[in-house]
Amino acid sequence: KIAATGIALTMALAASAHSDGHGNNPFSSHINARHGYMNILD
């Protein structure tokens, strides 16, 4: 169950990392991944 949860969460983070919510910022995928990660923690 833990492994499945980790895989699902990692996939969700990867998906959010590819959306560009910060214009032409070269770090938008990094920031989206951080925000997604922190949202899951929150």
Full PDB file with SEQRES, HELIX, SHEET, SSBOND, CRYST1, ORIGX, SCALE, CONECT and MASTER records, all heavy atoms in Angstrom:
SEQRES   1 A   42  LYS ILE ALA ALA THR GLY ILE ALA LEU THR MET ALA LEU          
SEQRES   2 A   42  ALA ALA SER ALA HIS SER ASP GLY HIS GLY ASN ASN PRO          
SEQRES   3 A   42  PHE SER SER HIS ILE ASN ALA ARG HIS GLY TYR MET ASN          
SEQRES   4 A   42  ILE LEU ASP                                                  
HELIX    1 AA1 ILE A    2  ALA A   17  1                                  16    
HELIX    2 AA2 SER A   28  LEU A   41  1                                  14    
CRYST1    1.000    1.000    1.000  90.00  90.00  90.00 P 1           1          
ORIGX1      1.000000  0.000000  0.000000        0.00000                         
ORIGX2      0.000000  1.000000  0.000000        0.00000                         
ORIGX3      0.000000  0.000000  1.000000        0.00000                         
SCALE1      1.000000  0.000000  0.000000        0.00000                         
SCALE2      0.000000  1.000000  0.000000        0.00000                         
SCALE3      0.000000  0.000000  1.000000        0.00000                         
ATOM      1  N   LYS A   1       0.832  -1.204   0.000  1.00  0.00           N  
ATOM      2  CA  LYS A   1       0.000   0.000   0.000  1.00  0.00           C  
ATOM      3  C   LYS A   1       0.869   1.258   0.000  1.00  0.00           C  
ATOM      4  O   LYS A   1       0.578   2.211  -0.720  1.00  0.00           O  
ATOM      5  CB  LYS A   1      -0.923   0.009   1.216  1.00  0.00           C  
ATOM      6  CG  LYS A   1      -2.061  -0.969   1.122  1.00  0.00           C  
ATOM      7  CD  LYS A   1      -2.928  -0.861   2.360  1.00  0.00           C  
ATOM      8  CE  LYS A   1      -4.047  -1.887   2.325  1.00  0.00           C  
ATOM      9  NZ  LYS A   1      -4.873  -1.818   3.537  1.00  0.00           N  
ATOM     10  N   ILE A   2       1.903   1.247   0.812  1.00  0.00           N  
ATOM     11  CA  ILE A   2       2.810   2.402   0.876  1.00  0.00           C  
ATOM     12  C   ILE A   2       3.475   2.618  -0.479  1.00  0.00           C  
ATOM     13  O   ILE A   2       3.556   3.738  -0.978  1.00  0.00           O  
ATOM     14  CB  ILE A   2       3.865   2.223   1.989  1.00  0.00           C  
ATOM     15  CG1 ILE A   2       3.193   2.282   3.350  1.00  0.00           C  
ATOM     16  CG2 ILE A   2       4.972   3.261   1.895  1.00  0.00           C  
ATOM     17  CD1 ILE A   2       2.568   3.604   3.689  1.00  0.00           C  
ATOM     18  N   ALA A   3       3.962   1.546  -1.088  1.00  0.00           N  
ATOM     19  CA  ALA A   3       4.615   1.661  -2.400  1.00  0.00           C  
ATOM     20  C   ALA A   3       3.635   2.188  -3.439  1.00  0.00           C  
ATOM     21  O   ALA A   3       3.984   3.064  -4.239  1.00  0.00           O  
ATOM     22  CB  ALA A   3       5.186   0.318  -2.825  1.00  0.00           C  
ATOM     23  N   ALA A   4       2.415   1.672  -3.425  1.00  0.00           N  
ATOM     24  CA  ALA A   4       1.412   2.124  -4.387  1.00  0.00           C  
ATOM     25  C   ALA A   4       1.093   3.598  -4.174  1.00  0.00           C  
ATOM     26  O   ALA A   4       0.951   4.359  -5.143  1.00  0.00           O  
ATOM     27  CB  ALA A   4       0.147   1.278  -4.264  1.00  0.00           C  
ATOM     28  N   THR A   5       0.988   4.013  -2.921  1.00  0.00           N  
ATOM     29  CA  THR A   5       0.735   5.418  -2.619  1.00  0.00           C  
ATOM     30  C   THR A   5       1.879   6.283  -3.114  1.00  0.00           C  
ATOM     31  O   THR A   5       1.657   7.322  -3.739  1.00  0.00           O  
ATOM     32  CB  THR A   5       0.542   5.619  -1.095  1.00  0.00           C  
ATOM     33  OG1 THR A   5      -0.558   4.831  -0.664  1.00  0.00           O  
ATOM     34  CG2 THR A   5       0.298   7.076  -0.762  1.00  0.00           C  
ATOM     35  N   GLY A   6       3.106   5.858  -2.864  1.00  0.00           N  
ATOM     36  CA  GLY A   6       4.270   6.617  -3.313  1.00  0.00           C  
ATOM     37  C   GLY A   6       4.317   6.755  -4.819  1.00  0.00           C  
ATOM     38  O   GLY A   6       4.600   7.827  -5.351  1.00  0.00           O  
ATOM     39  N   ILE A   7       4.005   5.683  -5.524  1.00  0.00           N  
ATOM     40  CA  ILE A   7       4.004   5.724  -6.984  1.00  0.00           C  
ATOM     41  C   ILE A   7       2.925   6.672  -7.483  1.00  0.00           C  
ATOM     42  O   ILE A   7       3.164   7.493  -8.372  1.00  0.00           O  
ATOM     43  CB  ILE A   7       3.820   4.310  -7.562  1.00  0.00           C  
ATOM     44  CG1 ILE A   7       5.073   3.474  -7.284  1.00  0.00           C  
ATOM     45  CG2 ILE A   7       3.522   4.356  -9.058  1.00  0.00           C  
ATOM     46  CD1 ILE A   7       4.905   1.992  -7.526  1.00  0.00           C  
ATOM     47  N   ALA A   8       1.732   6.576  -6.903  1.00  0.00           N  
ATOM     48  CA  ALA A   8       0.635   7.446  -7.322  1.00  0.00           C  
ATOM     49  C   ALA A   8       0.966   8.914  -7.070  1.00  0.00           C  
ATOM     50  O   ALA A   8       0.712   9.771  -7.920  1.00  0.00           O  
ATOM     51  CB  ALA A   8      -0.655   7.059  -6.595  1.00  0.00           C  
ATOM     52  N   LEU A   9       1.546   9.209  -5.913  1.00  0.00           N  
ATOM     53  CA  LEU A   9       1.893  10.583  -5.596  1.00  0.00           C  
ATOM     54  C   LEU A   9       3.000  11.099  -6.506  1.00  0.00           C  
ATOM     55  O   LEU A   9       2.961  12.242  -6.958  1.00  0.00           O  
ATOM     56  CB  LEU A   9       2.311  10.695  -4.130  1.00  0.00           C  
ATOM     57  CG  LEU A   9       1.198  10.441  -3.122  1.00  0.00           C  
ATOM     58  CD1 LEU A   9       1.767  10.403  -1.709  1.00  0.00           C  
ATOM     59  CD2 LEU A   9       0.112  11.477  -3.228  1.00  0.00           C  
ATOM     60  N   THR A  10       3.974  10.267  -6.804  1.00  0.00           N  
ATOM     61  CA  THR A  10       5.060  10.661  -7.697  1.00  0.00           C  
ATOM     62  C   THR A  10       4.518  10.956  -9.086  1.00  0.00           C  
ATOM     63  O   THR A  10       4.923  11.927  -9.728  1.00  0.00           O  
ATOM     64  CB  THR A  10       6.143   9.574  -7.749  1.00  0.00           C  
ATOM     65  OG1 THR A  10       6.631   9.370  -6.424  1.00  0.00           O  
ATOM     66  CG2 THR A  10       7.289   9.977  -8.651  1.00  0.00           C  
ATOM     67  N   MET A  11       3.575  10.135  -9.552  1.00  0.00           N  
ATOM     68  CA  MET A  11       2.977  10.371 -10.864  1.00  0.00           C  
ATOM     69  C   MET A  11       2.201  11.683 -10.876  1.00  0.00           C  
ATOM     70  O   MET A  11       2.265  12.442 -11.841  1.00  0.00           O  
ATOM     71  CB  MET A  11       2.071   9.199 -11.250  1.00  0.00           C  
ATOM     72  CG  MET A  11       2.848   7.938 -11.577  1.00  0.00           C  
ATOM     73  SD  MET A  11       1.826   6.470 -11.815  1.00  0.00           S  
ATOM     74  CE  MET A  11       0.736   6.998 -13.112  1.00  0.00           C  
ATOM     75  N   ALA A  12       1.488  11.966  -9.791  1.00  0.00           N  
ATOM     76  CA  ALA A  12       0.746  13.222  -9.707  1.00  0.00           C  
ATOM     77  C   ALA A  12       1.694  14.408  -9.723  1.00  0.00           C  
ATOM     78  O   ALA A  12       1.437  15.413 -10.380  1.00  0.00           O  
ATOM     79  CB  ALA A  12      -0.112  13.245  -8.444  1.00  0.00           C  
ATOM     80  N   LEU A  13       2.799  14.283  -9.005  1.00  0.00           N  
ATOM     81  CA  LEU A  13       3.790  15.362  -8.999  1.00  0.00           C  
ATOM     82  C   LEU A  13       4.393  15.564 -10.373  1.00  0.00           C  
ATOM     83  O   LEU A  13       4.586  16.686 -10.828  1.00  0.00           O  
ATOM     84  CB  LEU A  13       4.898  15.052  -7.991  1.00  0.00           C  
ATOM     85  CG  LEU A  13       4.513  15.145  -6.535  1.00  0.00           C  
ATOM     86  CD1 LEU A  13       5.644  14.634  -5.655  1.00  0.00           C  
ATOM     87  CD2 LEU A  13       4.161  16.561  -6.167  1.00  0.00           C  
ATOM     88  N   ALA A  14       4.709  14.483 -11.053  1.00  0.00           N  
ATOM     89  CA  ALA A  14       5.284  14.582 -12.391  1.00  0.00           C  
ATOM     90  C   ALA A  14       4.316  15.263 -13.343  1.00  0.00           C  
ATOM     91  O   ALA A  14       4.714  16.104 -14.152  1.00  0.00           O  
ATOM     92  CB  ALA A  14       5.666  13.199 -12.909  1.00  0.00           C  
ATOM     93  N   ALA A  15       3.044  14.928 -13.242  1.00  0.00           N  
ATOM     94  CA  ALA A  15       2.041  15.546 -14.108  1.00  0.00           C  
ATOM     95  C   ALA A  15       1.943  17.039 -13.833  1.00  0.00           C  
ATOM     96  O   ALA A  15       1.887  17.841 -14.760  1.00  0.00           O  
ATOM     97  CB  ALA A  15       0.687  14.880 -13.913  1.00  0.00           C  
ATOM     98  N   SER A  16       1.948  17.422 -12.550  1.00  0.00           N  
ATOM     99  CA  SER A  16       1.843  18.842 -12.230  1.00  0.00           C  
ATOM    100  C   SER A  16       3.107  19.590 -12.631  1.00  0.00           C  
ATOM    101  O   SER A  16       3.064  20.756 -12.975  1.00  0.00           O  
ATOM    102  CB  SER A  16       1.562  19.051 -10.739  1.00  0.00           C  
ATOM    103  OG  SER A  16       2.703  18.809  -9.967  1.00  0.00           O  
ATOM    104  N   ALA A  17       4.232  18.912 -12.634  1.00  0.00           N  
ATOM    105  CA  ALA A  17       5.496  19.560 -12.988  1.00  0.00           C  
ATOM    106  C   ALA A  17       5.547  19.939 -14.452  1.00  0.00           C  
ATOM    107  O   ALA A  17       6.265  20.858 -14.827  1.00  0.00           O  
ATOM    108  CB  ALA A  17       6.667  18.637 -12.655  1.00  0.00           C  
ATOM    109  N   HIS A  18       4.776  19.274 -15.288  1.00  0.00           N  
ATOM    110  CA  HIS A  18       4.828  19.568 -16.713  1.00  0.00           C  
ATOM    111  C   HIS A  18       3.865  20.652 -17.134  1.00  0.00           C  
ATOM    112  O   HIS A  18       3.929  21.123 -18.252  1.00  0.00           O  
ATOM    113  CB  HIS A  18       4.583  18.288 -17.525  1.00  0.00           C  
ATOM    114  CG  HIS A  18       5.737  17.342 -17.427  1.00  0.00           C  
ATOM    115  ND1 HIS A  18       6.958  17.592 -18.003  1.00  0.00           N  
ATOM    116  CD2 HIS A  18       5.876  16.170 -16.776  1.00  0.00           C  
ATOM    117  CE1 HIS A  18       7.792  16.615 -17.738  1.00  0.00           C  
ATOM    118  NE2 HIS A  18       7.158  15.734 -16.982  1.00  0.00           N  
ATOM    119  N   SER A  19       2.954  21.064 -16.250  1.00  0.00           N  
ATOM    120  CA  SER A  19       2.087  22.166 -16.596  1.00  0.00           C  
ATOM    121  C   SER A  19       2.827  23.452 -16.292  1.00  0.00           C  
ATOM    122  O   SER A  19       3.542  23.553 -15.315  1.00  0.00           O  
ATOM    123  CB  SER A  19       0.789  22.093 -15.792  1.00  0.00           C  
ATOM    124  OG  SER A  19       1.042  22.305 -14.431  1.00  0.00           O  
ATOM    125  N   ASP A  20       2.661  24.444 -17.141  1.00  0.00           N  
ATOM    126  CA  ASP A  20       3.403  25.684 -16.992  1.00  0.00           C  
ATOM    127  C   ASP A  20       2.485  26.765 -16.463  1.00  0.00           C  
ATOM    128  O   ASP A  20       1.718  27.347 -17.214  1.00  0.00           O  
ATOM    129  CB  ASP A  20       4.012  26.092 -18.332  1.00  0.00           C  
ATOM    130  CG  ASP A  20       4.912  27.299 -18.220  1.00  0.00           C  
ATOM    131  OD1 ASP A  20       4.980  27.897 -17.134  1.00  0.00           O  
ATOM    132  OD2 ASP A  20       5.553  27.639 -19.218  1.00  0.00           O  
ATOM    133  N   GLY A  21       2.572  27.020 -15.167  1.00  0.00           N  
ATOM    134  CA  GLY A  21       1.748  28.056 -14.570  1.00  0.00           C  
ATOM    135  C   GLY A  21       2.505  29.336 -14.311  1.00  0.00           C  
ATOM    136  O   GLY A  21       1.998  30.229 -13.661  1.00  0.00           O  
ATOM    137  N   HIS A  22       3.716  29.460 -14.827  1.00  0.00           N  
ATOM    138  CA  HIS A  22       4.545  30.624 -14.509  1.00  0.00           C  
ATOM    139  C   HIS A  22       5.134  31.265 -15.751  1.00  0.00           C  
ATOM    140  O   HIS A  22       6.283  31.685 -15.759  1.00  0.00           O  
ATOM    141  CB  HIS A  22       5.660  30.219 -13.537  1.00  0.00           C  
ATOM    142  CG  HIS A  22       5.150  29.601 -12.284  1.00  0.00           C  
ATOM    143  ND1 HIS A  22       4.507  30.321 -11.314  1.00  0.00           N  
ATOM    144  CD2 HIS A  22       5.136  28.320 -11.857  1.00  0.00           C  
ATOM    145  CE1 HIS A  22       4.143  29.511 -10.332  1.00  0.00           C  
ATOM    146  NE2 HIS A  22       4.508  28.302 -10.641  1.00  0.00           N  
ATOM    147  N   GLY A  23       4.384  31.329 -16.806  1.00  0.00           N  
ATOM    148  CA  GLY A  23       4.859  32.008 -18.003  1.00  0.00           C  
ATOM    149  C   GLY A  23       6.071  31.340 -18.613  1.00  0.00           C  
ATOM    150  O   GLY A  23       6.139  30.129 -18.709  1.00  0.00           O  
ATOM    151  N   ASN A  24       7.038  32.146 -19.002  1.00  0.00           N  
ATOM    152  CA  ASN A  24       8.251  31.647 -19.642  1.00  0.00           C  
ATOM    153  C   ASN A  24       9.371  31.360 -18.652  1.00  0.00           C  
ATOM    154  O   ASN A  24      10.521  31.253 -19.040  1.00  0.00           O  
ATOM    155  CB  ASN A  24       8.738  32.654 -20.699  1.00  0.00           C  
ATOM    156  CG  ASN A  24       7.787  32.738 -21.869  1.00  0.00           C  
ATOM    157  OD1 ASN A  24       7.194  31.734 -22.257  1.00  0.00           O  
ATOM    158  ND2 ASN A  24       7.614  33.932 -22.405  1.00  0.00           N  
ATOM    159  N   ASN A  25       9.043  31.267 -17.406  1.00  0.00           N  
ATOM    160  CA  ASN A  25      10.034  31.001 -16.374  1.00  0.00           C  
ATOM    161  C   ASN A  25      10.698  29.647 -16.639  1.00  0.00           C  
ATOM    162  O   ASN A  25      10.023  28.635 -16.729  1.00  0.00           O  
ATOM    163  CB  ASN A  25       9.308  30.999 -15.026  1.00  0.00           C  
ATOM    164  CG  ASN A  25      10.174  30.611 -13.865  1.00  0.00           C  
ATOM    165  OD1 ASN A  25      11.319  30.193 -14.022  1.00  0.00           O  
ATOM    166  ND2 ASN A  25       9.621  30.730 -12.691  1.00  0.00           N  
ATOM    167  N   PRO A  26      12.032  29.625 -16.761  1.00  0.00           N  
ATOM    168  CA  PRO A  26      12.704  28.344 -17.026  1.00  0.00           C  
ATOM    169  C   PRO A  26      12.602  27.356 -15.873  1.00  0.00           C  
ATOM    170  O   PRO A  26      12.902  26.178 -16.040  1.00  0.00           O  
ATOM    171  CB  PRO A  26      14.160  28.752 -17.262  1.00  0.00           C  
ATOM    172  CG  PRO A  26      14.316  30.051 -16.545  1.00  0.00           C  
ATOM    173  CD  PRO A  26      12.964  30.725 -16.637  1.00  0.00           C  
ATOM    174  N   PHE A  27      12.149  27.820 -14.721  1.00  0.00           N  
ATOM    175  CA  PHE A  27      12.026  26.960 -13.548  1.00  0.00           C  
ATOM    176  C   PHE A  27      10.577  26.601 -13.238  1.00  0.00           C  
ATOM    177  O   PHE A  27      10.272  26.107 -12.158  1.00  0.00           O  
ATOM    178  CB  PHE A  27      12.656  27.634 -12.324  1.00  0.00           C  
ATOM    179  CG  PHE A  27      14.123  27.901 -12.482  1.00  0.00           C  
ATOM    180  CD1 PHE A  27      14.587  29.199 -12.636  1.00  0.00           C  
ATOM    181  CD2 PHE A  27      15.035  26.854 -12.490  1.00  0.00           C  
ATOM    182  CE1 PHE A  27      15.941  29.448 -12.777  1.00  0.00           C  
ATOM    183  CE2 PHE A  27      16.389  27.095 -12.647  1.00  0.00           C  
ATOM    184  CZ  PHE A  27      16.840  28.394 -12.787  1.00  0.00           C  
ATOM    185  N   SER A  28       9.672  26.842 -14.172  1.00  0.00           N  
ATOM    186  CA  SER A  28       8.256  26.622 -13.873  1.00  0.00           C  
ATOM    187  C   SER A  28       7.966  25.166 -13.512  1.00  0.00           C  
ATOM    188  O   SER A  28       7.173  24.909 -12.605  1.00  0.00           O  
ATOM    189  CB  SER A  28       7.368  27.079 -15.030  1.00  0.00           C  
ATOM    190  OG  SER A  28       7.650  26.349 -16.202  1.00  0.00           O  
ATOM    191  N   SER A  29       8.608  24.217 -14.164  1.00  0.00           N  
ATOM    192  CA  SER A  29       8.335  22.820 -13.821  1.00  0.00           C  
ATOM    193  C   SER A  29       8.863  22.485 -12.428  1.00  0.00           C  
ATOM    194  O   SER A  29       8.220  21.740 -11.683  1.00  0.00           O  
ATOM    195  CB  SER A  29       8.907  21.858 -14.865  1.00  0.00           C  
ATOM    196  OG  SER A  29      10.306  21.955 -14.925  1.00  0.00           O  
ATOM    197  N   HIS A  30       9.992  23.066 -12.043  1.00  0.00           N  
ATOM    198  CA  HIS A  30      10.532  22.852 -10.702  1.00  0.00           C  
ATOM    199  C   HIS A  30       9.568  23.400  -9.644  1.00  0.00           C  
ATOM    200  O   HIS A  30       9.276  22.749  -8.644  1.00  0.00           O  
ATOM    201  CB  HIS A  30      11.884  23.544 -10.538  1.00  0.00           C  
ATOM    202  CG  HIS A  30      12.926  23.077 -11.483  1.00  0.00           C  
ATOM    203  ND1 HIS A  30      13.015  23.561 -12.770  1.00  0.00           N  
ATOM    204  CD2 HIS A  30      13.918  22.176 -11.349  1.00  0.00           C  
ATOM    205  CE1 HIS A  30      14.022  22.969 -13.378  1.00  0.00           C  
ATOM    206  NE2 HIS A  30      14.585  22.125 -12.541  1.00  0.00           N  
ATOM    207  N   ILE A  31       9.107  24.620  -9.904  1.00  0.00           N  
ATOM    208  CA  ILE A  31       8.230  25.286  -8.945  1.00  0.00           C  
ATOM    209  C   ILE A  31       6.879  24.577  -8.868  1.00  0.00           C  
ATOM    210  O   ILE A  31       6.337  24.374  -7.780  1.00  0.00           O  
ATOM    211  CB  ILE A  31       8.087  26.781  -9.296  1.00  0.00           C  
ATOM    212  CG1 ILE A  31       9.460  27.457  -9.095  1.00  0.00           C  
ATOM    213  CG2 ILE A  31       7.009  27.451  -8.468  1.00  0.00           C  
ATOM    214  CD1 ILE A  31       9.578  28.818  -9.721  1.00  0.00           C  
ATOM    215  N   ASN A  32       6.348  24.166 -10.015  1.00  0.00           N  
ATOM    216  CA  ASN A  32       5.080  23.424 -10.007  1.00  0.00           C  
ATOM    217  C   ASN A  32       5.226  22.123  -9.230  1.00  0.00           C  
ATOM    218  O   ASN A  32       4.324  21.731  -8.491  1.00  0.00           O  
ATOM    219  CB  ASN A  32       4.601  23.141 -11.430  1.00  0.00           C  
ATOM    220  CG  ASN A  32       4.038  24.368 -12.100  1.00  0.00           C  
ATOM    221  OD1 ASN A  32       3.627  25.315 -11.442  1.00  0.00           O  
ATOM    222  ND2 ASN A  32       4.030  24.364 -13.416  1.00  0.00           N  
ATOM    223  N   ALA A  33       6.348  21.452  -9.392  1.00  0.00           N  
ATOM    224  CA  ALA A  33       6.574  20.202  -8.647  1.00  0.00           C  
ATOM    225  C   ALA A  33       6.647  20.485  -7.152  1.00  0.00           C  
ATOM    226  O   ALA A  33       6.046  19.763  -6.349  1.00  0.00           O  
ATOM    227  CB  ALA A  33       7.851  19.517  -9.127  1.00  0.00           C  
ATOM    228  N   ARG A  34       7.364  21.544  -6.771  1.00  0.00           N  
ATOM    229  CA  ARG A  34       7.439  21.908  -5.346  1.00  0.00           C  
ATOM    230  C   ARG A  34       6.064  22.223  -4.791  1.00  0.00           C  
ATOM    231  O   ARG A  34       5.696  21.772  -3.710  1.00  0.00           O  
ATOM    232  CB  ARG A  34       8.363  23.120  -5.147  1.00  0.00           C  
ATOM    233  CG  ARG A  34       9.803  22.813  -5.357  1.00  0.00           C  
ATOM    234  CD  ARG A  34      10.749  23.869  -4.857  1.00  0.00           C  
ATOM    235  NE  ARG A  34      10.542  25.244  -5.180  1.00  0.00           N  
ATOM    236  CZ  ARG A  34      11.415  26.009  -5.864  1.00  0.00           C  
ATOM    237  NH1 ARG A  34      12.533  25.491  -6.349  1.00  0.00           N  
ATOM    238  NH2 ARG A  34      11.173  27.276  -6.060  1.00  0.00           N  
ATOM    239  N   HIS A  35       5.300  23.026  -5.528  1.00  0.00           N  
ATOM    240  CA  HIS A  35       3.969  23.397  -5.051  1.00  0.00           C  
ATOM    241  C   HIS A  35       3.075  22.173  -4.935  1.00  0.00           C  
ATOM    242  O   HIS A  35       2.355  22.026  -3.940  1.00  0.00           O  
ATOM    243  CB  HIS A  35       3.332  24.429  -5.989  1.00  0.00           C  
ATOM    244  CG  HIS A  35       3.951  25.781  -5.899  1.00  0.00           C  
ATOM    245  ND1 HIS A  35       3.591  26.807  -6.739  1.00  0.00           N  
ATOM    246  CD2 HIS A  35       4.903  26.294  -5.093  1.00  0.00           C  
ATOM    247  CE1 HIS A  35       4.289  27.892  -6.444  1.00  0.00           C  
ATOM    248  NE2 HIS A  35       5.101  27.603  -5.450  1.00  0.00           N  
ATOM    249  N   GLY A  36       3.111  21.302  -5.915  1.00  0.00           N  
ATOM    250  CA  GLY A  36       2.313  20.079  -5.853  1.00  0.00           C  
ATOM    251  C   GLY A  36       2.706  19.222  -4.670  1.00  0.00           C  
ATOM    252  O   GLY A  36       1.848  18.703  -3.938  1.00  0.00           O  
ATOM    253  N   TYR A  37       3.995  19.094  -4.471  1.00  0.00           N  
ATOM    254  CA  TYR A  37       4.516  18.305  -3.356  1.00  0.00           C  
ATOM    255  C   TYR A  37       4.042  18.882  -2.021  1.00  0.00           C  
ATOM    256  O   TYR A  37       3.530  18.168  -1.163  1.00  0.00           O  
ATOM    257  CB  TYR A  37       6.045  18.291  -3.441  1.00  0.00           C  
ATOM    258  CG  TYR A  37       6.692  17.405  -2.431  1.00  0.00           C  
ATOM    259  CD1 TYR A  37       6.941  16.073  -2.705  1.00  0.00           C  
ATOM    260  CD2 TYR A  37       7.067  17.895  -1.187  1.00  0.00           C  
ATOM    261  CE1 TYR A  37       7.544  15.246  -1.776  1.00  0.00           C  
ATOM    262  CE2 TYR A  37       7.656  17.078  -0.252  1.00  0.00           C  
ATOM    263  CZ  TYR A  37       7.895  15.753  -0.556  1.00  0.00           C  
ATOM    264  OH  TYR A  37       8.475  14.934   0.373  1.00  0.00           O  
ATOM    265  N   MET A  38       4.206  20.181  -1.861  1.00  0.00           N  
ATOM    266  CA  MET A  38       3.806  20.827  -0.611  1.00  0.00           C  
ATOM    267  C   MET A  38       2.291  20.769  -0.413  1.00  0.00           C  
ATOM    268  O   MET A  38       1.816  20.637   0.728  1.00  0.00           O  
ATOM    269  CB  MET A  38       4.297  22.276  -0.561  1.00  0.00           C  
ATOM    270  CG  MET A  38       5.799  22.401  -0.496  1.00  0.00           C  
ATOM    271  SD  MET A  38       6.482  21.617   0.987  1.00  0.00           S  
ATOM    272  CE  MET A  38       8.224  21.794   0.666  1.00  0.00           C  
ATOM    273  N   ASN A  39       1.526  20.851  -1.495  1.00  0.00           N  
ATOM    274  CA  ASN A  39       0.071  20.731  -1.376  1.00  0.00           C  
ATOM    275  C   ASN A  39      -0.329  19.355  -0.856  1.00  0.00           C  
ATOM    276  O   ASN A  39      -1.267  19.238  -0.055  1.00  0.00           O  
ATOM    277  CB  ASN A  39      -0.614  21.014  -2.713  1.00  0.00           C  
ATOM    278  CG  ASN A  39      -0.634  22.488  -3.052  1.00  0.00           C  
ATOM    279  OD1 ASN A  39      -0.562  23.346  -2.185  1.00  0.00           O  
ATOM    280  ND2 ASN A  39      -0.718  22.784  -4.335  1.00  0.00           N  
ATOM    281  N   ILE A  40       0.361  18.319  -1.299  1.00  0.00           N  
ATOM    282  CA  ILE A  40       0.078  16.967  -0.808  1.00  0.00           C  
ATOM    283  C   ILE A  40       0.403  16.883   0.682  1.00  0.00           C  
ATOM    284  O   ILE A  40      -0.372  16.326   1.466  1.00  0.00           O  
ATOM    285  CB  ILE A  40       0.848  15.909  -1.619  1.00  0.00           C  
ATOM    286  CG1 ILE A  40       0.280  15.831  -3.036  1.00  0.00           C  
ATOM    287  CG2 ILE A  40       0.803  14.545  -0.942  1.00  0.00           C  
ATOM    288  CD1 ILE A  40       1.127  15.045  -4.007  1.00  0.00           C  
ATOM    289  N   LEU A  41       1.539  17.447   1.086  1.00  0.00           N  
ATOM    290  CA  LEU A  41       1.882  17.461   2.513  1.00  0.00           C  
ATOM    291  C   LEU A  41       0.830  18.229   3.301  1.00  0.00           C  
ATOM    292  O   LEU A  41       0.346  17.753   4.339  1.00  0.00           O  
ATOM    293  CB  LEU A  41       3.263  18.086   2.736  1.00  0.00           C  
ATOM    294  CG  LEU A  41       4.469  17.380   2.133  1.00  0.00           C  
ATOM    295  CD1 LEU A  41       5.746  18.128   2.492  1.00  0.00           C  
ATOM    296  CD2 LEU A  41       4.546  15.935   2.566  1.00  0.00           C  
ATOM    297  N   ASP A  42       0.476  19.405   2.816  1.00  0.00           N  
ATOM    298  CA  ASP A  42      -0.486  20.261   3.495  1.00  0.00           C  
ATOM    299  C   ASP A  42      -1.831  19.554   3.670  1.00  0.00           C  
ATOM    300  O   ASP A  42      -2.436  19.618   4.746  1.00  0.00           O  
ATOM    301  CB  ASP A  42      -0.660  21.563   2.718  1.00  0.00           C  
ATOM    302  CG  ASP A  42      -1.575  22.543   3.419  1.00  0.00           C  
ATOM    303  OD1 ASP A  42      -1.348  22.834   4.608  1.00  0.00           O  
ATOM    304  OD2 ASP A  42      -2.520  23.024   2.770  1.00  0.00           O  
TER     305      ASP A  42                                                      
MASTER        0    0    0    2    0    0    0    6  304    1    0    4          
END                                                                             
